Amino acid sequence: MSRPDGLRRAWAACFRRGRTPGLRTVKTTLAAVVSFQVADLFHTSAQPILAPLTALLVVQLTLYKTLTSVLDRVGAVVSGVLVAVGVATLTGLTWWSLGAVVGLSLVLGRLLRLGSNLAEVAISAMLVLAAASTSVGFTPGSPNLEMTATGRVVETLIGAAVGILVNLVVAPPLYIQPAGDAIGELVGKLSDFAREMATALRGEWSRAAADAFLDGARRLGSEVARADEHLARTEESARLHPRPGPVREAQPRLRTALTCLEHSYVSLRNLCRAVLDRSYFVPDGDLDGAYHPEVRAALAQVLEAFADALHTVDLIATEDPPAGSAHELL
């Protein structure tokens, strides 16, 4: 890919229709600041930094993912605090109490299936144990331990609540346009690949060329996966959204279009595989014995018709096509 093409694609990725550049950054920053102010009003600790940290981590691309992130993080923090309180009621911070806290926290996190938040259980437990142990007048079971543990849980809850509220109130995303754009880009790449292969079939054909086209077809698989990821995000964004109507209207045509493209990609890759395999049944210098020029020309025509038909899929994904137009070409 040339540098100008790369710059154009990067620009389009940042400023494509349906996206507001910097929106998630603004929402995350707002959630962090508000959660800090709220925690400070409640005097949860001298420096309630855990509240904005939680808000920073839980604000995700969709409301549904934000809520699941909140549940996992709150569960991790509460579990870690309980472990720390249980150990700290018996002893302060020592090498063996630290080992016990870490081991118990990791085991508890795995039992709760906290996934990426597994380490947060141990981190929370160690911070509570360390903070309580360094407090003036600390003894096992002292009020300092209770205040430290309670403050950490309250700050986490404040950050989580503010993160959910900000993501709900400030322009909750639906990601319809990015999914349509990804499908449109996939149509273009499949179509361009088919036309390029058609041109090559009409010229000098070789086993190396067949091998190169098979590798190219395999690389297109990542583009199919990217489009599917965008559509999955669109479908997820409708869950718990206050206005899911646009996604419910767009989802059937987007999913139909992507399913068609997935089948088209598999057929194209299988074609490349078959063309290459047949070349191994003849000597390398006699590829006309595998595919005569007339056969290659006919196959090139099929690929060009295939490329033309693909653009009707883009119509399905982006708007309602005229009745029967897609069926006439596909």
Protein backbone atom coordinates (compact mmCIF):
# COMPACT_ATOMS: atom_id res chain seq x y z
CA MET A 1 0.00 0.00 0.00
CA SER A 2 1.40 3.43 -0.93
CA ARG A 3 1.78 6.15 1.66
CA PRO A 4 -0.96 8.41 0.15
CA ASP A 5 -3.40 5.47 0.15
CA GLY A 6 -2.51 4.67 3.74
CA LEU A 7 -3.03 8.29 4.82
CA ARG A 8 -6.39 8.45 3.07
CA ARG A 9 -7.58 5.26 4.77
CA ALA A 10 -6.39 6.49 8.17
CA TRP A 11 -8.22 9.80 7.64
CA ALA A 12 -11.39 7.98 6.59
CA ALA A 13 -11.20 5.70 9.63
CA CYS A 14 -11.10 8.71 11.95
CA PHE A 15 -13.69 10.90 10.23
CA ARG A 16 -16.09 8.51 8.52
CA ARG A 17 -19.76 9.32 8.65
CA GLY A 18 -21.61 8.44 11.82
CA ARG A 19 -18.64 9.00 14.11
CA THR A 20 -17.78 11.98 16.26
CA PRO A 21 -13.99 12.24 16.57
CA GLY A 22 -12.88 12.43 20.19
CA LEU A 23 -16.31 11.67 21.66
CA ARG A 24 -15.15 8.68 23.69
CA THR A 25 -12.15 10.67 24.96
CA VAL A 26 -14.44 13.46 26.11
CA LYS A 27 -16.85 11.03 27.78
CA THR A 28 -14.06 9.19 29.58
CA THR A 29 -12.48 12.43 30.79
CA LEU A 30 -15.84 13.74 31.96
CA ALA A 31 -16.58 10.51 33.85
CA ALA A 32 -13.19 10.62 35.57
CA VAL A 33 -13.57 14.25 36.68
CA VAL A 34 -17.16 13.89 37.88
CA SER A 35 -16.42 10.68 39.79
CA PHE A 36 -13.47 12.34 41.55
CA GLN A 37 -15.66 15.27 42.59
CA VAL A 38 -18.43 12.99 43.86
CA ALA A 39 -15.99 10.83 45.84
CA ASP A 40 -14.40 13.95 47.29
CA LEU A 41 -17.81 15.17 48.47
CA PHE A 42 -18.32 11.87 50.31
CA HIS A 43 -14.82 12.09 51.86
CA THR A 44 -14.11 8.47 51.01
CA SER A 45 -10.38 9.05 51.45
CA ALA A 46 -7.82 11.83 51.48
CA GLN A 47 -7.10 11.27 47.77
CA PRO A 48 -10.09 9.45 46.19
CA ILE A 49 -8.20 8.55 43.03
CA LEU A 50 -9.79 5.12 42.78
CA ALA A 51 -13.14 6.60 41.68
CA PRO A 52 -11.79 8.28 38.50
CA LEU A 53 -9.60 5.24 37.85
CA THR A 54 -12.68 3.01 37.89
CA ALA A 55 -14.60 5.42 35.65
CA LEU A 56 -11.65 5.48 33.24
CA LEU A 57 -11.64 1.69 32.98
CA VAL A 58 -15.37 1.01 32.73
CA VAL A 59 -16.34 3.49 29.99
CA GLN A 60 -16.45 1.23 26.93
CA LEU A 61 -17.64 1.52 23.34
CA THR A 62 -21.18 0.29 24.07
CA LEU A 63 -23.56 0.49 27.01
CA TYR A 64 -23.73 -3.28 27.28
CA LYS A 65 -19.95 -3.64 27.42
CA THR A 66 -19.77 -0.81 29.95
CA LEU A 67 -22.23 -2.60 32.24
CA THR A 68 -20.41 -5.93 32.00
CA SER A 69 -17.12 -4.16 32.69
CA VAL A 70 -18.65 -2.51 35.75
CA LEU A 71 -19.91 -5.81 37.13
CA ASP A 72 -16.53 -7.48 36.67
CA ARG A 73 -14.56 -4.63 38.20
CA VAL A 74 -16.88 -4.18 41.19
CA GLY A 75 -16.79 -7.91 41.79
CA ALA A 76 -12.99 -7.89 41.64
CA VAL A 77 -12.64 -4.97 44.06
CA VAL A 78 -15.16 -6.30 46.57
CA SER A 79 -13.56 -9.76 46.47
CA GLY A 80 -10.10 -8.31 47.02
CA VAL A 81 -11.29 -6.16 49.90
CA LEU A 82 -12.93 -9.14 51.60
CA VAL A 83 -9.74 -11.16 51.30
CA ALA A 84 -7.68 -8.28 52.71
CA VAL A 85 -10.09 -7.76 55.61
CA GLY A 86 -10.00 -11.44 56.43
CA VAL A 87 -6.20 -11.55 56.54
CA ALA A 88 -5.78 -8.13 58.19
CA THR A 89 -8.01 -9.09 61.11
CA LEU A 90 -5.28 -11.57 62.04
CA THR A 91 -2.05 -9.79 61.14
CA GLY A 92 -0.51 -6.76 59.44
CA LEU A 93 1.58 -6.64 56.29
CA THR A 94 4.27 -9.34 56.33
CA TRP A 95 5.79 -11.50 53.63
CA TRP A 96 3.59 -14.44 54.47
CA SER A 97 0.39 -12.38 54.80
CA LEU A 98 1.15 -10.80 51.43
CA GLY A 99 1.59 -14.26 49.90
CA ALA A 100 -1.65 -15.43 51.49
CA VAL A 101 -3.54 -12.38 50.17
CA VAL A 102 -2.24 -12.79 46.62
CA GLY A 103 -2.84 -16.54 46.52
CA LEU A 104 -6.35 -16.36 47.97
CA SER A 105 -7.25 -13.42 45.71
CA LEU A 106 -6.18 -15.18 42.53
CA VAL A 107 -8.02 -18.36 43.50
CA LEU A 108 -11.17 -16.40 44.33
CA GLY A 109 -10.92 -14.43 41.07
CA ARG A 110 -10.67 -17.62 39.03
CA LEU A 111 -13.65 -19.12 40.85
CA LEU A 112 -15.66 -15.98 40.03
CA ARG A 113 -14.41 -16.09 36.40
CA LEU A 114 -13.35 -12.46 36.40
CA GLY A 115 -11.17 -12.89 33.31
CA SER A 116 -9.15 -9.77 32.54
CA ASN A 117 -10.02 -8.34 35.99
CA LEU A 118 -8.39 -11.28 37.77
CA ALA A 119 -5.32 -9.28 38.80
CA GLU A 120 -7.56 -6.53 40.18
CA VAL A 121 -8.65 -8.83 43.01
CA ALA A 122 -5.08 -9.24 44.24
CA ILE A 123 -4.26 -5.55 43.63
CA SER A 124 -7.25 -4.40 45.68
CA ALA A 125 -6.41 -6.79 48.49
CA MET A 126 -2.77 -5.70 48.64
CA LEU A 127 -3.62 -2.00 48.59
CA VAL A 128 -6.16 -2.35 51.41
CA LEU A 129 -3.75 -4.45 53.48
CA ALA A 130 -0.88 -2.02 52.90
CA ALA A 131 -2.98 1.10 53.58
CA ALA A 132 -4.43 -0.36 56.78
CA SER A 133 -1.04 -1.59 57.99
CA THR A 134 0.61 1.82 57.55
CA SER A 135 -2.19 3.68 59.31
CA VAL A 136 -1.31 5.20 62.66
CA GLY A 137 -2.45 3.02 65.50
CA PHE A 138 -3.26 0.04 63.31
CA THR A 139 -3.97 -3.23 65.04
CA PRO A 140 -5.65 -6.29 63.50
CA GLY A 141 -9.38 -5.60 63.41
CA SER A 142 -8.99 -1.83 64.09
CA PRO A 143 -11.38 0.84 62.72
CA ASN A 144 -8.65 1.98 60.32
CA LEU A 145 -9.01 -1.30 58.46
CA GLU A 146 -12.76 -0.90 58.18
CA MET A 147 -12.44 2.69 56.94
CA THR A 148 -9.85 1.75 54.34
CA ALA A 149 -11.86 -1.20 53.05
CA THR A 150 -15.13 0.73 52.98
CA GLY A 151 -13.54 3.70 51.24
CA ARG A 152 -12.12 1.54 48.46
CA VAL A 153 -15.47 -0.14 47.81
CA VAL A 154 -17.39 3.15 47.88
CA GLU A 155 -14.95 4.83 45.48
CA THR A 156 -15.24 1.89 43.09
CA LEU A 157 -19.03 2.08 43.20
CA ILE A 158 -18.97 5.83 42.59
CA GLY A 159 -16.65 5.50 39.60
CA ALA A 160 -18.73 2.67 38.17
CA ALA A 161 -22.02 4.53 38.61
CA VAL A 162 -20.68 7.72 37.04
CA GLY A 163 -19.18 5.74 34.14
CA ILE A 164 -22.54 4.13 33.38
CA LEU A 165 -24.41 7.43 33.72
CA VAL A 166 -22.06 9.33 31.41
CA ASN A 167 -22.15 6.61 28.77
CA LEU A 168 -25.94 6.53 28.99
CA VAL A 169 -26.59 10.28 28.89
CA VAL A 170 -23.85 11.62 26.62
CA ALA A 171 -24.51 10.46 23.04
CA PRO A 172 -24.81 6.68 23.56
CA PRO A 173 -23.39 5.17 20.34
CA LEU A 174 -25.07 2.71 17.97
CA TYR A 175 -22.22 2.13 15.45
CA ILE A 176 -24.50 1.55 12.46
CA GLN A 177 -22.45 3.61 10.01
CA PRO A 178 -19.07 1.97 10.84
CA ALA A 179 -20.58 -1.45 10.14
CA GLY A 180 -21.97 -0.27 6.81
CA ASP A 181 -18.62 1.29 5.92
CA ALA A 182 -16.75 -1.91 6.81
CA ILE A 183 -19.09 -3.95 4.59
CA GLY A 184 -18.64 -1.43 1.77
CA GLU A 185 -14.85 -1.67 2.10
CA LEU A 186 -15.07 -5.46 2.02
CA VAL A 187 -17.15 -5.30 -1.16
CA GLY A 188 -14.50 -3.11 -2.77
CA LYS A 189 -11.62 -5.37 -1.81
CA LEU A 190 -13.33 -8.56 -2.96
CA SER A 191 -14.35 -6.89 -6.21
CA ASP A 192 -10.86 -5.50 -6.84
CA PHE A 193 -9.31 -8.90 -6.13
CA ALA A 194 -11.66 -10.64 -8.58
CA ARG A 195 -10.91 -8.10 -11.33
CA GLU A 196 -7.18 -8.34 -10.72
CA MET A 197 -7.32 -12.11 -11.02
CA ALA A 198 -9.42 -11.84 -14.20
CA THR A 199 -6.79 -9.57 -15.75
CA ALA A 200 -4.02 -11.98 -14.77
CA LEU A 201 -5.86 -14.97 -16.26
CA ARG A 202 -6.00 -13.22 -19.63
CA GLY A 203 -2.24 -12.62 -19.61
CA GLU A 204 0.80 -14.75 -18.86
CA TRP A 205 -0.31 -17.37 -16.34
CA SER A 206 2.04 -19.36 -14.12
CA ARG A 207 2.01 -21.56 -11.06
CA ALA A 208 3.65 -18.74 -9.08
CA ALA A 209 0.81 -16.41 -10.06
CA ALA A 210 -1.78 -18.98 -8.95
CA ASP A 211 0.07 -19.39 -5.65
CA ALA A 212 0.20 -15.62 -5.13
CA PHE A 213 -3.55 -15.26 -5.74
CA LEU A 214 -4.29 -18.00 -3.22
CA ASP A 215 -2.20 -16.16 -0.62
CA GLY A 216 -4.07 -12.96 -1.47
CA ALA A 217 -7.42 -14.70 -1.05
CA ARG A 218 -6.37 -16.00 2.34
CA ARG A 219 -5.39 -12.50 3.47
CA LEU A 220 -8.89 -11.30 2.61
CA GLY A 221 -10.12 -13.46 5.48
CA SER A 222 -8.94 -10.82 7.95
CA GLU A 223 -11.10 -8.24 6.16
CA VAL A 224 -14.14 -10.50 6.47
CA ALA A 225 -13.41 -10.92 10.18
CA ARG A 226 -13.07 -7.14 10.61
CA ALA A 227 -16.45 -6.51 8.99
CA ASP A 228 -18.02 -9.17 11.20
CA GLU A 229 -16.47 -7.53 14.27
CA HIS A 230 -17.96 -4.16 13.30
CA LEU A 231 -21.40 -5.69 12.80
CA ALA A 232 -21.18 -7.55 16.11
CA ARG A 233 -20.40 -4.23 17.80
CA THR A 234 -23.43 -2.67 16.10
CA GLU A 235 -25.68 -5.46 17.36
CA GLU A 236 -24.20 -5.19 20.84
CA SER A 237 -24.69 -1.41 20.92
CA ALA A 238 -28.47 -1.89 20.69
CA ARG A 239 -28.53 -3.92 23.91
CA LEU A 240 -29.61 -1.71 26.85
CA HIS A 241 -29.65 1.32 24.52
CA PRO A 242 -32.52 3.76 25.20
CA ARG A 243 -33.24 4.05 21.45
CA PRO A 244 -32.39 0.73 19.78
CA GLY A 245 -34.82 1.23 16.86
CA PRO A 246 -32.27 2.25 14.18
CA VAL A 247 -30.16 -0.86 14.83
CA ARG A 248 -33.19 -3.13 14.72
CA GLU A 249 -34.09 -1.67 11.33
CA ALA A 250 -30.55 -1.84 9.93
CA GLN A 251 -29.41 -5.16 11.41
CA PRO A 252 -31.29 -7.53 9.04
CA ARG A 253 -29.94 -5.92 5.87
CA LEU A 254 -26.42 -5.56 7.30
CA ARG A 255 -26.35 -9.20 8.44
CA THR A 256 -27.79 -10.39 5.11
CA ALA A 257 -25.18 -8.43 3.18
CA LEU A 258 -22.31 -9.73 5.32
CA THR A 259 -23.53 -13.33 5.08
CA CYS A 260 -23.57 -13.00 1.30
CA LEU A 261 -20.03 -11.60 1.32
CA GLU A 262 -18.81 -14.39 3.58
CA HIS A 263 -20.12 -17.01 1.14
CA SER A 264 -18.63 -15.06 -1.76
CA TYR A 265 -15.25 -14.94 -0.05
CA VAL A 266 -15.27 -18.68 0.61
CA SER A 267 -16.16 -19.36 -3.04
CA LEU A 268 -13.39 -17.05 -4.25
CA ARG A 269 -10.81 -18.68 -2.00
CA ASN A 270 -11.90 -22.17 -3.10
CA LEU A 271 -11.57 -21.09 -6.72
CA CYS A 272 -8.01 -19.92 -6.13
CA ARG A 273 -7.25 -23.20 -4.39
CA ALA A 274 -8.65 -25.25 -7.29
CA VAL A 275 -6.76 -23.22 -9.91
CA LEU A 276 -3.48 -23.74 -8.07
CA ASP A 277 -4.05 -27.44 -7.38
CA ARG A 278 -4.76 -28.19 -11.03
CA SER A 279 -1.43 -26.64 -12.05
CA TYR A 280 0.40 -29.41 -10.17
CA PHE A 281 -1.02 -32.07 -12.52
CA VAL A 282 0.99 -30.74 -15.47
CA PRO A 283 4.64 -29.75 -15.91
CA ASP A 284 5.44 -26.21 -14.75
CA GLY A 285 6.26 -25.14 -18.29
CA ASP A 286 3.01 -26.49 -19.75
CA LEU A 287 0.27 -24.76 -17.78
CA ASP A 288 -1.83 -24.53 -20.95
CA GLY A 289 -2.36 -28.24 -20.41
CA ALA A 290 -4.17 -27.44 -17.17
CA TYR A 291 -6.09 -24.41 -18.37
CA HIS A 292 -6.24 -23.52 -22.05
CA PRO A 293 -6.33 -19.80 -22.90
CA GLU A 294 -10.00 -20.10 -23.88
CA VAL A 295 -10.83 -21.63 -20.50
CA ARG A 296 -8.91 -18.91 -18.66
CA ALA A 297 -10.72 -16.24 -20.69
CA ALA A 298 -14.09 -17.76 -19.77
CA LEU A 299 -13.07 -17.92 -16.10
CA ALA A 300 -11.99 -14.26 -16.30
CA GLN A 301 -15.45 -13.33 -17.57
CA VAL A 302 -17.04 -15.17 -14.65
CA LEU A 303 -14.81 -13.27 -12.20
CA GLU A 304 -15.73 -9.93 -13.76
CA ALA A 305 -19.44 -10.75 -13.53
CA PHE A 306 -18.82 -11.80 -9.93
CA ALA A 307 -17.18 -8.43 -9.22
CA ASP A 308 -20.13 -6.57 -10.77
CA ALA A 309 -22.62 -8.57 -8.71
CA LEU A 310 -20.79 -7.81 -5.48
CA HIS A 311 -21.70 -4.13 -5.70
CA THR A 312 -25.40 -4.98 -5.35
CA VAL A 313 -24.52 -6.32 -1.90
CA ASP A 314 -23.27 -2.85 -0.99
CA LEU A 315 -26.70 -1.51 -1.96
CA ILE A 316 -28.34 -3.98 0.40
CA ALA A 317 -26.08 -2.88 3.24
CA THR A 318 -26.47 0.87 2.76
CA GLU A 319 -30.02 1.35 1.51
CA ASP A 320 -33.10 -0.44 0.22
CA PRO A 321 -32.28 -1.47 -3.38
CA PRO A 322 -34.88 -1.44 -6.14
CA ALA A 323 -37.08 -4.51 -6.10
CA GLY A 324 -35.46 -7.46 -7.82
CA SER A 325 -32.17 -5.70 -8.63
CA ALA A 326 -30.07 -7.80 -6.29
CA HIS A 327 -31.66 -11.04 -7.41
CA GLU A 328 -31.09 -10.23 -11.06
CA LEU A 329 -27.35 -9.90 -10.63
CA LEU A 330 -26.60 -12.31 -7.79
